[in-house]
Amino acid sequence: MGDALLLSGLHWGDEIRSSGEVAPPETALTEEEIEGALALLDTMTVGSITELDVTDHYTEAFHEVIAAKAELSRRRWRRPGRSST
């Protein structure tokens, strides 16, 4: 088995373990499985990061929720007969 890199926050020396404990066991693969895996990689590969849709939809939706709550709060605290300025 080759080297492995495992990122984790360690706090105590006894938390450090050998990478052999977390490495998957060796498995025999057929040529068909290897070809299938390579074909899958080819379909998932892009030439450039700019080709990907990396829009943060969660943050956009979160901002919409905040705006809606702010509007509700303004409506709730607006007193009849006062201007909304």
PDB file of N, CA and C in Angstrom:
ATOM      1  N   MET A   1       0.836  -1.179   0.000  1.00  0.00           N
ATOM      2  CA  MET A   1       0.000   0.000   0.000  1.00  0.00           C
ATOM      3  C   MET A   1       0.881   1.243   0.000  1.00  0.00           C
ATOM      4  N   GLY A   2       0.424   2.281  -0.705  1.00  0.00           N
ATOM      5  CA  GLY A   2       1.175   3.526  -0.787  1.00  0.00           C
ATOM      6  C   GLY A   2       0.865   4.444   0.379  1.00  0.00           C
ATOM      7  N   ASP A   3       1.419   5.643   0.312  1.00  0.00           N
ATOM      8  CA  ASP A   3       1.168   6.631   1.354  1.00  0.00           C
ATOM      9  C   ASP A   3      -0.264   7.140   1.270  1.00  0.00           C
ATOM     10  N   ALA A   4      -0.772   7.622   2.379  1.00  0.00           N
ATOM     11  CA  ALA A   4      -2.119   8.179   2.417  1.00  0.00           C
ATOM     12  C   ALA A   4      -2.082   9.469   3.217  1.00  0.00           C
ATOM     13  N   LEU A   5      -2.992  10.371   2.898  1.00  0.00           N
ATOM     14  CA  LEU A   5      -3.113  11.629   3.615  1.00  0.00           C
ATOM     15  C   LEU A   5      -4.527  11.715   4.142  1.00  0.00           C
ATOM     16  N   LEU A   6      -4.656  11.849   5.445  1.00  0.00           N
ATOM     17  CA  LEU A   6      -5.956  11.950   6.072  1.00  0.00           C
ATOM     18  C   LEU A   6      -5.983  13.244   6.856  1.00  0.00           C
ATOM     19  N   LEU A   7      -6.904  14.142   6.496  1.00  0.00           N
ATOM     20  CA  LEU A   7      -6.999  15.432   7.168  1.00  0.00           C
ATOM     21  C   LEU A   7      -8.030  15.351   8.272  1.00  0.00           C
ATOM     22  N   SER A   8      -7.619  15.729   9.454  1.00  0.00           N
ATOM     23  CA  SER A   8      -8.516  15.695  10.599  1.00  0.00           C
ATOM     24  C   SER A   8      -7.912  16.569  11.683  1.00  0.00           C
ATOM     25  N   GLY A   9      -8.762  17.115  12.530  1.00  0.00           N
ATOM     26  CA  GLY A   9      -8.260  17.902  13.650  1.00  0.00           C
ATOM     27  C   GLY A   9      -7.838  16.973  14.782  1.00  0.00           C
ATOM     28  N   LEU A  10      -6.584  16.995  15.122  1.00  0.00           N
ATOM     29  CA  LEU A  10      -6.089  16.139  16.201  1.00  0.00           C
ATOM     30  C   LEU A  10      -5.846  16.980  17.448  1.00  0.00           C
ATOM     31  N   HIS A  11      -6.213  16.417  18.575  1.00  0.00           N
ATOM     32  CA  HIS A  11      -6.030  17.129  19.823  1.00  0.00           C
ATOM     33  C   HIS A  11      -5.069  16.413  20.766  1.00  0.00           C
ATOM     34  N   TRP A  12      -4.960  15.114  20.662  1.00  0.00           N
ATOM     35  CA  TRP A  12      -4.135  14.335  21.571  1.00  0.00           C
ATOM     36  C   TRP A  12      -3.263  13.363  20.779  1.00  0.00           C
ATOM     37  N   GLY A  13      -2.107  13.075  21.291  1.00  0.00           N
ATOM     38  CA  GLY A  13      -1.180  12.166  20.622  1.00  0.00           C
ATOM     39  C   GLY A  13      -1.751  10.774  20.402  1.00  0.00           C
ATOM     40  N   ASP A  14      -2.618  10.313  21.282  1.00  0.00           N
ATOM     41  CA  ASP A  14      -3.171   8.967  21.122  1.00  0.00           C
ATOM     42  C   ASP A  14      -4.211   8.892  20.004  1.00  0.00           C
ATOM     43  N   GLU A  15      -4.571  10.028  19.410  1.00  0.00           N
ATOM     44  CA  GLU A  15      -5.508  10.029  18.290  1.00  0.00           C
ATOM     45  C   GLU A  15      -4.811   9.758  16.961  1.00  0.00           C
ATOM     46  N   ILE A  16      -3.505   9.766  16.933  1.00  0.00           N
ATOM     47  CA  ILE A  16      -2.752   9.526  15.706  1.00  0.00           C
ATOM     48  C   ILE A  16      -2.703   8.019  15.466  1.00  0.00           C
ATOM     49  N   ARG A  17      -3.172   7.621  14.280  1.00  0.00           N
ATOM     50  CA  ARG A  17      -3.220   6.201  13.937  1.00  0.00           C
ATOM     51  C   ARG A  17      -2.462   5.959  12.638  1.00  0.00           C
ATOM     52  N   SER A  18      -2.165   4.710  12.407  1.00  0.00           N
ATOM     53  CA  SER A  18      -1.527   4.303  11.162  1.00  0.00           C
ATOM     54  C   SER A  18      -2.539   4.429  10.027  1.00  0.00           C
ATOM     55  N   SER A  19      -2.092   4.828   8.859  1.00  0.00           N
ATOM     56  CA  SER A  19      -2.998   4.931   7.712  1.00  0.00           C
ATOM     57  C   SER A  19      -3.516   3.558   7.296  1.00  0.00           C
ATOM     58  N   GLY A  20      -2.846   2.489   7.697  1.00  0.00           N
ATOM     59  CA  GLY A  20      -3.299   1.144   7.382  1.00  0.00           C
ATOM     60  C   GLY A  20      -4.644   0.814   7.999  1.00  0.00           C
ATOM     61  N   GLU A  21      -4.983   1.484   9.104  1.00  0.00           N
ATOM     62  CA  GLU A  21      -6.259   1.239   9.781  1.00  0.00           C
ATOM     63  C   GLU A  21      -7.440   1.764   8.977  1.00  0.00           C
ATOM     64  N   VAL A  22      -7.240   2.783   8.164  1.00  0.00           N
ATOM     65  CA  VAL A  22      -8.338   3.395   7.425  1.00  0.00           C
ATOM     66  C   VAL A  22      -8.284   3.109   5.929  1.00  0.00           C
ATOM     67  N   ALA A  23      -7.245   2.425   5.475  1.00  0.00           N
ATOM     68  CA  ALA A  23      -7.098   2.127   4.054  1.00  0.00           C
ATOM     69  C   ALA A  23      -8.049   1.007   3.647  1.00  0.00           C
ATOM     70  N   PRO A  24      -8.640   1.120   2.468  1.00  0.00           N
ATOM     71  CA  PRO A  24      -9.515   0.035   2.001  1.00  0.00           C
ATOM     72  C   PRO A  24      -8.677  -1.192   1.644  1.00  0.00           C
ATOM     73  N   PRO A  25      -9.269  -2.358   1.743  1.00  0.00           N
ATOM     74  CA  PRO A  25      -8.514  -3.568   1.397  1.00  0.00           C
ATOM     75  C   PRO A  25      -8.269  -3.631  -0.112  1.00  0.00           C
ATOM     76  N   GLU A  26      -7.204  -4.311  -0.494  1.00  0.00           N
ATOM     77  CA  GLU A  26      -6.930  -4.480  -1.920  1.00  0.00           C
ATOM     78  C   GLU A  26      -8.005  -5.370  -2.519  1.00  0.00           C
ATOM     79  N   THR A  27      -8.409  -5.042  -3.754  1.00  0.00           N
ATOM     80  CA  THR A  27      -9.489  -5.763  -4.415  1.00  0.00           C
ATOM     81  C   THR A  27      -9.074  -6.105  -5.833  1.00  0.00           C
ATOM     82  N   ALA A  28      -9.438  -7.300  -6.272  1.00  0.00           N
ATOM     83  CA  ALA A  28      -9.167  -7.702  -7.650  1.00  0.00           C
ATOM     84  C   ALA A  28     -10.244  -7.114  -8.548  1.00  0.00           C
ATOM     85  N   LEU A  29      -9.828  -6.480  -9.642  1.00  0.00           N
ATOM     86  CA  LEU A  29     -10.753  -5.865 -10.592  1.00  0.00           C
ATOM     87  C   LEU A  29     -10.613  -6.534 -11.950  1.00  0.00           C
ATOM     88  N   THR A  30     -11.727  -6.650 -12.645  1.00  0.00           N
ATOM     89  CA  THR A  30     -11.687  -7.179 -14.006  1.00  0.00           C
ATOM     90  C   THR A  30     -11.388  -6.035 -14.960  1.00  0.00           C
ATOM     91  N   GLU A  31     -10.963  -6.369 -16.169  1.00  0.00           N
ATOM     92  CA  GLU A  31     -10.699  -5.352 -17.199  1.00  0.00           C
ATOM     93  C   GLU A  31     -11.976  -4.566 -17.495  1.00  0.00           C
ATOM     94  N   GLU A  32     -13.110  -5.255 -17.467  1.00  0.00           N
ATOM     95  CA  GLU A  32     -14.388  -4.597 -17.736  1.00  0.00           C
ATOM     96  C   GLU A  32     -14.701  -3.534 -16.679  1.00  0.00           C
ATOM     97  N   GLU A  33     -14.417  -3.837 -15.421  1.00  0.00           N
ATOM     98  CA  GLU A  33     -14.655  -2.867 -14.345  1.00  0.00           C
ATOM     99  C   GLU A  33     -13.734  -1.658 -14.477  1.00  0.00           C
ATOM    100  N   ILE A  34     -12.493  -1.921 -14.829  1.00  0.00           N
ATOM    101  CA  ILE A  34     -11.526  -0.821 -15.004  1.00  0.00           C
ATOM    102  C   ILE A  34     -11.946   0.065 -16.172  1.00  0.00           C
ATOM    103  N   GLU A  35     -12.351  -0.547 -17.282  1.00  0.00           N
ATOM    104  CA  GLU A  35     -12.787   0.226 -18.442  1.00  0.00           C
ATOM    105  C   GLU A  35     -14.037   1.045 -18.105  1.00  0.00           C
ATOM    106  N   GLY A  36     -14.962   0.468 -17.344  1.00  0.00           N
ATOM    107  CA  GLY A  36     -16.162   1.189 -16.930  1.00  0.00           C
ATOM    108  C   GLY A  36     -15.831   2.379 -16.051  1.00  0.00           C
ATOM    109  N   ALA A  37     -14.901   2.188 -15.124  1.00  0.00           N
ATOM    110  CA  ALA A  37     -14.492   3.274 -14.234  1.00  0.00           C
ATOM    111  C   ALA A  37     -13.824   4.393 -15.028  1.00  0.00           C
ATOM    112  N   LEU A  38     -12.975   4.036 -15.981  1.00  0.00           N
ATOM    113  CA  LEU A  38     -12.307   5.045 -16.805  1.00  0.00           C
ATOM    114  C   LEU A  38     -13.308   5.797 -17.676  1.00  0.00           C
ATOM    115  N   ALA A  39     -14.316   5.087 -18.191  1.00  0.00           N
ATOM    116  CA  ALA A  39     -15.358   5.739 -18.990  1.00  0.00           C
ATOM    117  C   ALA A  39     -16.143   6.716 -18.128  1.00  0.00           C
ATOM    118  N   LEU A  40     -16.435   6.330 -16.891  1.00  0.00           N
ATOM    119  CA  LEU A  40     -17.143   7.223 -15.975  1.00  0.00           C
ATOM    120  C   LEU A  40     -16.315   8.477 -15.700  1.00  0.00           C
ATOM    121  N   LEU A  41     -15.027   8.304 -15.464  1.00  0.00           N
ATOM    122  CA  LEU A  41     -14.147   9.458 -15.247  1.00  0.00           C
ATOM    123  C   LEU A  41     -14.148  10.386 -16.456  1.00  0.00           C
ATOM    124  N   ASP A  42     -14.130   9.808 -17.649  1.00  0.00           N
ATOM    125  CA  ASP A  42     -14.149  10.637 -18.860  1.00  0.00           C
ATOM    126  C   ASP A  42     -15.420  11.468 -18.946  1.00  0.00           C
ATOM    127  N   THR A  43     -16.564  10.901 -18.546  1.00  0.00           N
ATOM    128  CA  THR A  43     -17.816  11.654 -18.626  1.00  0.00           C
ATOM    129  C   THR A  43     -17.897  12.736 -17.561  1.00  0.00           C
ATOM    130  N   MET A  44     -17.137  12.591 -16.480  1.00  0.00           N
ATOM    131  CA  MET A  44     -17.188  13.565 -15.383  1.00  0.00           C
ATOM    132  C   MET A  44     -16.079  14.603 -15.473  1.00  0.00           C
ATOM    133  N   THR A  45     -15.193  14.470 -16.419  1.00  0.00           N
ATOM    134  CA  THR A  45     -14.048  15.360 -16.539  1.00  0.00           C
ATOM    135  C   THR A  45     -14.414  16.600 -17.354  1.00  0.00           C
ATOM    136  N   VAL A  46     -13.988  17.763 -16.876  1.00  0.00           N
ATOM    137  CA  VAL A  46     -14.179  19.006 -17.615  1.00  0.00           C
ATOM    138  C   VAL A  46     -12.812  19.584 -17.954  1.00  0.00           C
ATOM    139  N   GLY A  47     -12.776  20.352 -19.010  1.00  0.00           N
ATOM    140  CA  GLY A  47     -11.510  20.939 -19.439  1.00  0.00           C
ATOM    141  C   GLY A  47     -11.068  22.101 -18.572  1.00  0.00           C
ATOM    142  N   SER A  48     -12.050  22.789 -17.958  1.00  0.00           N
ATOM    143  CA  SER A  48     -11.732  23.981 -17.188  1.00  0.00           C
ATOM    144  C   SER A  48     -12.773  24.167 -16.091  1.00  0.00           C
ATOM    145  N   ILE A  49     -12.364  24.760 -15.007  1.00  0.00           N
ATOM    146  CA  ILE A  49     -13.279  25.021 -13.892  1.00  0.00           C
ATOM    147  C   ILE A  49     -14.385  25.986 -14.305  1.00  0.00           C
ATOM    148  N   THR A  50     -14.115  26.816 -15.319  1.00  0.00           N
ATOM    149  CA  THR A  50     -15.129  27.774 -15.764  1.00  0.00           C
ATOM    150  C   THR A  50     -16.301  27.077 -16.449  1.00  0.00           C
ATOM    151  N   GLU A  51     -16.139  25.813 -16.830  1.00  0.00           N
ATOM    152  CA  GLU A  51     -17.222  25.058 -17.454  1.00  0.00           C
ATOM    153  C   GLU A  51     -18.233  24.556 -16.418  1.00  0.00           C
ATOM    154  N   LEU A  52     -17.873  24.602 -15.151  1.00  0.00           N
ATOM    155  CA  LEU A  52     -18.733  24.083 -14.101  1.00  0.00           C
ATOM    156  C   LEU A  52     -19.678  25.159 -13.580  1.00  0.00           C
ATOM    157  N   ASP A  53     -20.865  24.739 -13.142  1.00  0.00           N
ATOM    158  CA  ASP A  53     -21.787  25.652 -12.462  1.00  0.00           C
ATOM    159  C   ASP A  53     -21.448  25.593 -10.981  1.00  0.00           C
ATOM    160  N   VAL A  54     -20.726  26.586 -10.509  1.00  0.00           N
ATOM    161  CA  VAL A  54     -20.307  26.606  -9.114  1.00  0.00           C
ATOM    162  C   VAL A  54     -21.017  27.714  -8.343  1.00  0.00           C
ATOM    163  N   THR A  55     -22.257  27.980  -8.733  1.00  0.00           N
ATOM    164  CA  THR A  55     -23.048  28.999  -8.064  1.00  0.00           C
ATOM    165  C   THR A  55     -23.447  28.509  -6.678  1.00  0.00           C
ATOM    166  N   ASP A  56     -23.331  29.372  -5.704  1.00  0.00           N
ATOM    167  CA  ASP A  56     -23.700  29.037  -4.335  1.00  0.00           C
ATOM    168  C   ASP A  56     -25.199  29.288  -4.155  1.00  0.00           C
ATOM    169  N   HIS A  57     -26.007  28.300  -4.507  1.00  0.00           N
ATOM    170  CA  HIS A  57     -27.463  28.443  -4.438  1.00  0.00           C
ATOM    171  C   HIS A  57     -27.949  28.543  -2.999  1.00  0.00           C
ATOM    172  N   TYR A  58     -27.241  27.905  -2.074  1.00  0.00           N
ATOM    173  CA  TYR A  58     -27.646  27.960  -0.668  1.00  0.00           C
ATOM    174  C   TYR A  58     -27.588  29.400  -0.157  1.00  0.00           C
ATOM    175  N   THR A  59     -26.486  30.096  -0.418  1.00  0.00           N
ATOM    176  CA  THR A  59     -26.341  31.473   0.059  1.00  0.00           C
ATOM    177  C   THR A  59     -27.380  32.375  -0.591  1.00  0.00           C
ATOM    178  N   GLU A  60     -27.641  32.172  -1.877  1.00  0.00           N
ATOM    179  CA  GLU A  60     -28.672  32.977  -2.549  1.00  0.00           C
ATOM    180  C   GLU A  60     -30.028  32.782  -1.864  1.00  0.00           C
ATOM    181  N   ALA A  61     -30.388  31.525  -1.584  1.00  0.00           N
ATOM    182  CA  ALA A  61     -31.669  31.239  -0.941  1.00  0.00           C
ATOM    183  C   ALA A  61     -31.699  31.800   0.477  1.00  0.00           C
ATOM    184  N   PHE A  62     -30.586  31.724   1.173  1.00  0.00           N
ATOM    185  CA  PHE A  62     -30.493  32.253   2.539  1.00  0.00           C
ATOM    186  C   PHE A  62     -30.725  33.760   2.546  1.00  0.00           C
ATOM    187  N   HIS A  63     -30.149  34.461   1.587  1.00  0.00           N
ATOM    188  CA  HIS A  63     -30.339  35.912   1.488  1.00  0.00           C
ATOM    189  C   HIS A  63     -31.800  36.247   1.196  1.00  0.00           C
ATOM    190  N   GLU A  64     -32.454  35.421   0.398  1.00  0.00           N
ATOM    191  CA  GLU A  64     -33.875  35.634   0.120  1.00  0.00           C
ATOM    192  C   GLU A  64     -34.710  35.470   1.392  1.00  0.00           C
ATOM    193  N   VAL A  65     -34.371  34.486   2.214  1.00  0.00           N
ATOM    194  CA  VAL A  65     -35.089  34.274   3.479  1.00  0.00           C
ATOM    195  C   VAL A  65     -34.890  35.476   4.396  1.00  0.00           C
ATOM    196  N   ILE A  66     -33.667  35.973   4.493  1.00  0.00           N
ATOM    197  CA  ILE A  66     -33.377  37.130   5.340  1.00  0.00           C
ATOM    198  C   ILE A  66     -34.171  38.342   4.865  1.00  0.00           C
ATOM    199  N   ALA A  67     -34.200  38.566   3.555  1.00  0.00           N
ATOM    200  CA  ALA A  67     -34.944  39.707   3.010  1.00  0.00           C
ATOM    201  C   ALA A  67     -36.438  39.571   3.305  1.00  0.00           C
ATOM    202  N   ALA A  68     -36.967  38.366   3.182  1.00  0.00           N
ATOM    203  CA  ALA A  68     -38.393  38.150   3.456  1.00  0.00           C
ATOM    204  C   ALA A  68     -38.702  38.391   4.931  1.00  0.00           C
ATOM    205  N   LYS A  69     -37.838  37.942   5.819  1.00  0.00           N
ATOM    206  CA  LYS A  69     -38.052  38.163   7.256  1.00  0.00           C
ATOM    207  C   LYS A  69     -37.944  39.646   7.599  1.00  0.00           C
ATOM    208  N   ALA A  70     -37.025  40.342   6.967  1.00  0.00           N
ATOM    209  CA  ALA A  70     -36.881  41.777   7.218  1.00  0.00           C
ATOM    210  C   ALA A  70     -38.136  42.511   6.769  1.00  0.00           C
ATOM    211  N   GLU A  71     -38.680  42.143   5.622  1.00  0.00           N
ATOM    212  CA  GLU A  71     -39.902  42.772   5.133  1.00  0.00           C
ATOM    213  C   GLU A  71     -41.067  42.482   6.074  1.00  0.00           C
ATOM    214  N   LEU A  72     -41.186  41.268   6.547  1.00  0.00           N
ATOM    215  CA  LEU A  72     -42.244  40.919   7.491  1.00  0.00           C
ATOM    216  C   LEU A  72     -42.103  41.732   8.775  1.00  0.00           C
ATOM    217  N   SER A  73     -40.871  41.892   9.234  1.00  0.00           N
ATOM    218  CA  SER A  73     -40.627  42.676  10.444  1.00  0.00           C
ATOM    219  C   SER A  73     -41.030  44.129  10.238  1.00  0.00           C
ATOM    220  N   ARG A  74     -40.714  44.707   9.065  1.00  0.00           N
ATOM    221  CA  ARG A  74     -41.097  46.091   8.774  1.00  0.00           C
ATOM    222  C   ARG A  74     -42.614  46.241   8.768  1.00  0.00           C
ATOM    223  N   ARG A  75     -43.310  45.284   8.188  1.00  0.00           N
ATOM    224  CA  ARG A  75     -44.773  45.348   8.145  1.00  0.00           C
ATOM    225  C   ARG A  75     -45.372  45.236   9.539  1.00  0.00           C
ATOM    226  N   ARG A  76     -44.787  44.397  10.359  1.00  0.00           N
ATOM    227  CA  ARG A  76     -45.306  44.167  11.699  1.00  0.00           C
ATOM    228  C   ARG A  76     -45.169  45.405  12.583  1.00  0.00           C
ATOM    229  N   TRP A  77     -44.062  46.133  12.418  1.00  0.00           N
ATOM    230  CA  TRP A  77     -43.790  47.277  13.296  1.00  0.00           C
ATOM    231  C   TRP A  77     -44.289  48.603  12.738  1.00  0.00           C
ATOM    232  N   ARG A  78     -44.797  48.592  11.521  1.00  0.00           N
ATOM    233  CA  ARG A  78     -45.312  49.823  10.921  1.00  0.00           C
ATOM    234  C   ARG A  78     -46.643  50.173  11.604  1.00  0.00           C
ATOM    235  N   ARG A  79     -46.738  51.386  12.076  1.00  0.00           N
ATOM    236  CA  ARG A  79     -47.953  51.826  12.757  1.00  0.00           C
ATOM    237  C   ARG A  79     -48.899  52.503  11.770  1.00  0.00           C
ATOM    238  N   PRO A  80     -50.177  52.302  11.927  1.00  0.00           N
ATOM    239  CA  PRO A  80     -51.138  52.983  11.034  1.00  0.00           C
ATOM    240  C   PRO A  80     -50.969  54.497  11.155  1.00  0.00           C
ATOM    241  N   GLY A  81     -51.047  55.191  10.024  1.00  0.00           N
ATOM    242  CA  GLY A  81     -50.974  56.635  10.020  1.00  0.00           C
ATOM    243  C   GLY A  81     -49.565  57.187   9.950  1.00  0.00           C
ATOM    244  N   ARG A  82     -48.520  56.331  10.059  1.00  0.00           N
ATOM    245  CA  ARG A  82     -47.134  56.810   9.966  1.00  0.00           C
ATOM    246  C   ARG A  82     -46.593  56.489   8.580  1.00  0.00           C
ATOM    247  N   SER A  83     -45.707  57.319   8.108  1.00  0.00           N
ATOM    248  CA  SER A  83     -45.109  57.057   6.817  1.00  0.00           C
ATOM    249  C   SER A  83     -44.100  55.917   6.963  1.00  0.00           C
ATOM    250  N   SER A  84     -43.815  55.241   5.888  1.00  0.00           N
ATOM    251  CA  SER A  84     -42.912  54.083   5.941  1.00  0.00           C
ATOM    252  C   SER A  84     -41.478  54.470   5.622  1.00  0.00           C
ATOM    253  N   THR A  85     -41.120  55.740   5.806  1.00  0.00           N
ATOM    254  CA  THR A  85     -39.770  56.203   5.521  1.00  0.00           C
ATOM    255  C   THR A  85     -38.852  55.991   6.667  1.00  0.00           C
TER     256      THR A  85
END
